[in-house]
């Protein structure tokens, strides 16, 4: 065996070890199509919400409660608010279901487990910021701070992605930073929340998903 062939064999061995270590410490089965599907669900939800809001505002206004920007009607705002929250939950369930399916499909093709030590750590590190954000958003809704719900969702979701990026593809960190930046900007334009929500959860997810698919799954 020549020195050159021995060196090549050693490099291949090192690469195999590196791949094994990466698989054991990071969840690498996350599919780019999961991001695309989540973004599509978000765009559909935003389109439905926009239609509802336009219809609601076009109705003849009655009394407005104190501090209501734009003049929302007191009689139906509470029920309309619940309707929007239920829509957001439906979008979340649809996004999680489609994302899980695409990730499971990728894991099966790669002969990798979808639920192992790395995926557990990924889930835990995402759940902590998301749970805190959920309680924060409920508090905003309780105290009529609905206009800050969209930026809060973007910021806490971005924090969850950054926190979880240590246990999956590092590219997800950049998506998290963009979500945080978008949420911070949205804080200064609170009544444009639906558009920022659409950009963050819809457009950014689709762009990120396509980049990840092109980078890691295209072959």
Protein backbone atom coordinates (compact mmCIF):
# COMPACT_ATOMS: atom_id res chain seq x y z
CA UNK A 1 0.00 0.00 0.00
CA UNK A 2 1.45 3.35 -1.04
CA UNK A 3 1.65 6.34 1.26
CA UNK A 4 -0.90 8.20 -0.89
CA UNK A 5 -3.51 5.42 -0.70
CA UNK A 6 -2.90 5.08 3.04
CA UNK A 7 -3.47 8.82 3.46
CA UNK A 8 -6.69 8.69 1.43
CA UNK A 9 -7.95 5.77 3.51
CA UNK A 10 -7.17 7.65 6.71
CA UNK A 11 -9.05 10.71 5.46
CA UNK A 12 -12.07 8.58 4.58
CA UNK A 13 -11.97 7.04 8.04
CA UNK A 14 -11.85 10.48 9.64
CA UNK A 15 -14.79 11.63 7.51
CA UNK A 16 -16.78 8.57 8.57
CA UNK A 17 -16.05 9.31 12.21
CA UNK A 18 -17.04 12.94 11.72
CA UNK A 19 -20.34 11.92 10.13
CA UNK A 20 -21.06 9.48 12.97
CA UNK A 21 -20.36 12.15 15.59
CA UNK A 22 -22.56 14.64 13.74
CA UNK A 23 -25.42 12.16 13.55
CA UNK A 24 -25.16 11.44 17.27
CA UNK A 25 -25.06 15.08 18.38
CA UNK A 26 -27.25 16.82 15.78
CA UNK A 27 -30.66 16.14 14.30
CA UNK A 28 -29.82 16.23 10.58
CA UNK A 29 -33.06 14.75 9.25
CA UNK A 30 -34.83 18.12 9.21
CA UNK A 31 -36.20 18.48 5.68
CA UNK A 32 -36.14 21.69 3.67
CA UNK A 33 -39.59 20.79 2.39
CA UNK A 34 -40.80 21.02 6.00
CA UNK A 35 -40.02 24.73 5.89
CA UNK A 36 -41.77 25.13 2.56
CA UNK A 37 -44.90 23.34 3.78
CA UNK A 38 -45.00 25.39 7.00
CA UNK A 39 -44.64 28.58 4.95
CA UNK A 40 -47.46 27.59 2.61
CA UNK A 41 -49.73 26.86 5.59
CA UNK A 42 -48.88 30.28 7.03
CA UNK A 43 -49.66 32.04 3.74
CA UNK A 44 -53.04 30.29 3.48
CA UNK A 45 -53.85 31.22 7.08
CA UNK A 46 -52.80 34.84 6.50
CA UNK A 47 -54.96 35.03 3.36
CA UNK A 48 -57.99 33.73 5.29
CA UNK A 49 -57.33 36.11 8.21
CA UNK A 50 -56.96 39.07 5.84
CA UNK A 51 -60.34 38.30 4.29
CA UNK A 52 -61.97 38.05 7.71
CA UNK A 53 -60.44 41.34 8.86
CA UNK A 54 -61.48 43.16 5.69
CA UNK A 55 -65.02 41.85 6.08
CA UNK A 56 -65.10 42.81 9.74
CA UNK A 57 -63.88 46.36 9.15
CA UNK A 58 -66.26 46.91 6.23
CA UNK A 59 -69.30 46.41 8.44
CA UNK A 60 -70.97 49.49 9.87
CA UNK A 61 -69.00 50.49 13.00
CA UNK A 62 -70.74 50.91 16.28
CA UNK A 63 -69.22 52.12 19.53
CA UNK A 64 -65.49 51.74 19.93
CA UNK A 65 -63.85 50.77 23.17
CA UNK A 66 -61.35 53.18 24.66
CA UNK A 67 -57.92 52.91 23.06
CA UNK A 68 -59.06 50.87 20.08
CA UNK A 69 -57.02 51.99 17.08
CA UNK A 70 -59.03 51.99 13.88
CA UNK A 71 -62.40 51.76 15.64
CA UNK A 72 -63.24 48.13 16.29
CA UNK A 73 -66.78 47.37 17.38
CA UNK A 74 -67.18 46.45 21.04
CA UNK A 75 -70.04 44.04 20.49
CA UNK A 76 -68.21 41.51 18.34
CA UNK A 77 -64.50 42.07 18.91
CA UNK A 78 -64.14 39.41 21.60
CA UNK A 79 -65.70 36.70 19.45
CA UNK A 80 -63.69 37.86 16.44
CA UNK A 81 -60.49 37.71 18.48
CA UNK A 82 -61.27 34.11 19.49
CA UNK A 83 -61.93 33.31 15.83
CA UNK A 84 -58.48 34.59 14.84
CA UNK A 85 -56.79 32.65 17.66
CA UNK A 86 -58.50 29.44 16.55
CA UNK A 87 -57.36 30.08 12.98
CA UNK A 88 -53.77 30.56 14.20
CA UNK A 89 -53.96 27.28 16.13
CA UNK A 90 -55.32 25.47 13.06
CA UNK A 91 -52.44 26.84 10.96
CA UNK A 92 -49.96 25.72 13.64
CA UNK A 93 -51.38 22.18 13.69
CA UNK A 94 -51.33 21.96 9.87
CA UNK A 95 -47.75 23.28 9.72
CA UNK A 96 -46.54 20.84 12.38
CA UNK A 97 -48.29 17.90 10.71
CA UNK A 98 -46.89 18.57 7.23
CA UNK A 99 -43.42 19.41 8.57
CA UNK A 100 -43.30 16.21 10.62
CA UNK A 101 -44.32 14.15 7.61
CA UNK A 102 -41.61 15.58 5.35
CA UNK A 103 -39.00 15.15 8.10
CA UNK A 104 -40.11 11.55 8.72
CA UNK A 105 -39.86 10.86 4.99
CA UNK A 106 -36.32 12.23 4.82
CA UNK A 107 -35.27 10.27 7.92
CA UNK A 108 -36.67 7.07 6.44
CA UNK A 109 -34.80 7.60 3.16
CA UNK A 110 -31.58 8.24 5.08
CA UNK A 111 -32.19 5.25 7.39
CA UNK A 112 -31.99 7.53 10.41
CA UNK A 113 -34.25 7.58 13.49
CA UNK A 114 -36.60 10.56 13.75
CA UNK A 115 -36.69 10.40 17.56
CA UNK A 116 -33.31 9.97 19.19
CA UNK A 117 -31.15 11.78 21.73
CA UNK A 118 -30.38 14.64 19.32
CA UNK A 119 -34.04 15.20 18.34
CA UNK A 120 -35.05 15.16 22.03
CA UNK A 121 -32.52 17.89 22.83
CA UNK A 122 -33.72 19.83 19.78
CA UNK A 123 -37.34 19.60 20.94
CA UNK A 124 -36.54 20.64 24.51
CA UNK A 125 -34.51 23.67 23.43
CA UNK A 126 -37.31 24.80 21.11
CA UNK A 127 -40.13 24.19 23.58
CA UNK A 128 -38.69 26.38 26.35
CA UNK A 129 -38.76 29.71 24.40
CA UNK A 130 -42.00 28.72 22.64
CA UNK A 131 -43.74 27.95 25.95
CA UNK A 132 -42.57 31.26 27.41
CA UNK A 133 -43.79 33.03 24.28
CA UNK A 134 -47.14 31.28 24.49
CA UNK A 135 -47.72 32.50 28.04
CA UNK A 136 -46.60 35.99 27.03
CA UNK A 137 -49.04 36.09 24.11
CA UNK A 138 -51.90 34.88 26.30
CA UNK A 139 -51.08 37.73 28.69
CA UNK A 140 -51.18 40.22 25.80
CA UNK A 141 -54.59 38.95 24.71
CA UNK A 142 -55.88 39.09 28.29
CA UNK A 143 -54.83 42.73 28.61
CA UNK A 144 -56.08 43.73 25.13
CA UNK A 145 -52.57 44.02 23.69
CA UNK A 146 -53.51 42.11 20.55
CA UNK A 147 -51.54 44.46 18.27
CA UNK A 148 -48.30 43.14 19.80
CA UNK A 149 -49.17 39.46 19.35
CA UNK A 150 -47.59 39.17 15.88
CA UNK A 151 -44.22 40.73 16.81
CA UNK A 152 -44.10 38.68 20.02
CA UNK A 153 -44.73 35.46 18.08
CA UNK A 154 -41.95 36.31 15.63
CA UNK A 155 -39.45 37.21 18.36
CA UNK A 156 -40.06 34.17 20.57
CA UNK A 157 -40.12 31.84 17.57
CA UNK A 158 -36.82 33.30 16.40
CA UNK A 159 -35.33 32.79 19.87
CA UNK A 160 -36.51 29.16 19.78
CA UNK A 161 -34.78 28.58 16.43
CA UNK A 162 -31.53 30.18 17.59
CA UNK A 163 -31.63 28.17 20.81
CA UNK A 164 -32.25 24.91 18.93
CA UNK A 165 -29.71 25.54 16.17
CA UNK A 166 -26.98 23.90 18.30
CA UNK A 167 -28.71 20.55 17.83
CA UNK A 168 -29.61 20.60 14.14
CA UNK A 169 -28.45 22.21 10.90
CA UNK A 170 -26.70 25.46 11.81
CA UNK A 171 -28.44 27.21 8.89
CA UNK A 172 -31.60 27.40 11.00
CA UNK A 173 -29.83 29.96 13.20
CA UNK A 174 -29.96 32.52 10.40
CA UNK A 175 -33.69 31.97 9.96
CA UNK A 176 -34.11 32.57 13.69
CA UNK A 177 -32.13 35.81 13.58
CA UNK A 178 -34.24 37.07 10.67
CA UNK A 179 -37.44 36.22 12.56
CA UNK A 180 -36.19 38.15 15.61
CA UNK A 181 -35.24 41.16 13.48
CA UNK A 182 -38.62 41.14 11.76
CA UNK A 183 -40.42 40.95 15.11
CA UNK A 184 -38.41 43.86 16.52
CA UNK A 185 -39.26 46.03 13.51
CA UNK A 186 -42.90 45.00 13.79
CA UNK A 187 -42.97 46.39 17.36
CA UNK A 188 -42.78 49.88 15.84
CA UNK A 189 -45.54 49.14 13.30
CA UNK A 190 -47.95 47.13 15.47
CA UNK A 191 -51.01 47.59 13.26
CA UNK A 192 -49.20 45.99 10.32
CA UNK A 193 -48.79 42.75 12.25
CA UNK A 194 -50.53 40.52 9.71
CA UNK A 195 -48.09 41.56 6.97
CA UNK A 196 -45.05 40.98 9.19
CA UNK A 197 -46.53 37.66 10.35
CA UNK A 198 -47.00 36.65 6.70
CA UNK A 199 -43.43 37.64 5.83
CA UNK A 200 -41.90 35.86 8.84
CA UNK A 201 -43.88 32.64 9.02
CA UNK A 202 -44.76 32.42 5.34
CA UNK A 203 -42.22 33.92 2.96
CA UNK A 204 -39.08 33.42 5.09
CA UNK A 205 -40.01 29.79 5.75
CA UNK A 206 -40.48 29.08 2.06
CA UNK A 207 -37.20 30.76 1.09
CA UNK A 208 -35.33 28.96 3.88
CA UNK A 209 -36.90 25.62 2.97
CA UNK A 210 -35.99 25.94 -0.69
CA UNK A 211 -32.40 26.88 0.17
CA UNK A 212 -32.09 23.90 2.52
CA UNK A 213 -33.58 21.55 -0.05
CA UNK A 214 -31.19 22.83 -2.74
CA UNK A 215 -28.20 22.64 -0.40
CA UNK A 216 -28.76 19.26 1.27
CA UNK A 217 -31.47 17.24 -0.51
CA UNK A 218 -31.37 18.07 -4.22
CA UNK A 219 -29.10 15.14 -5.06
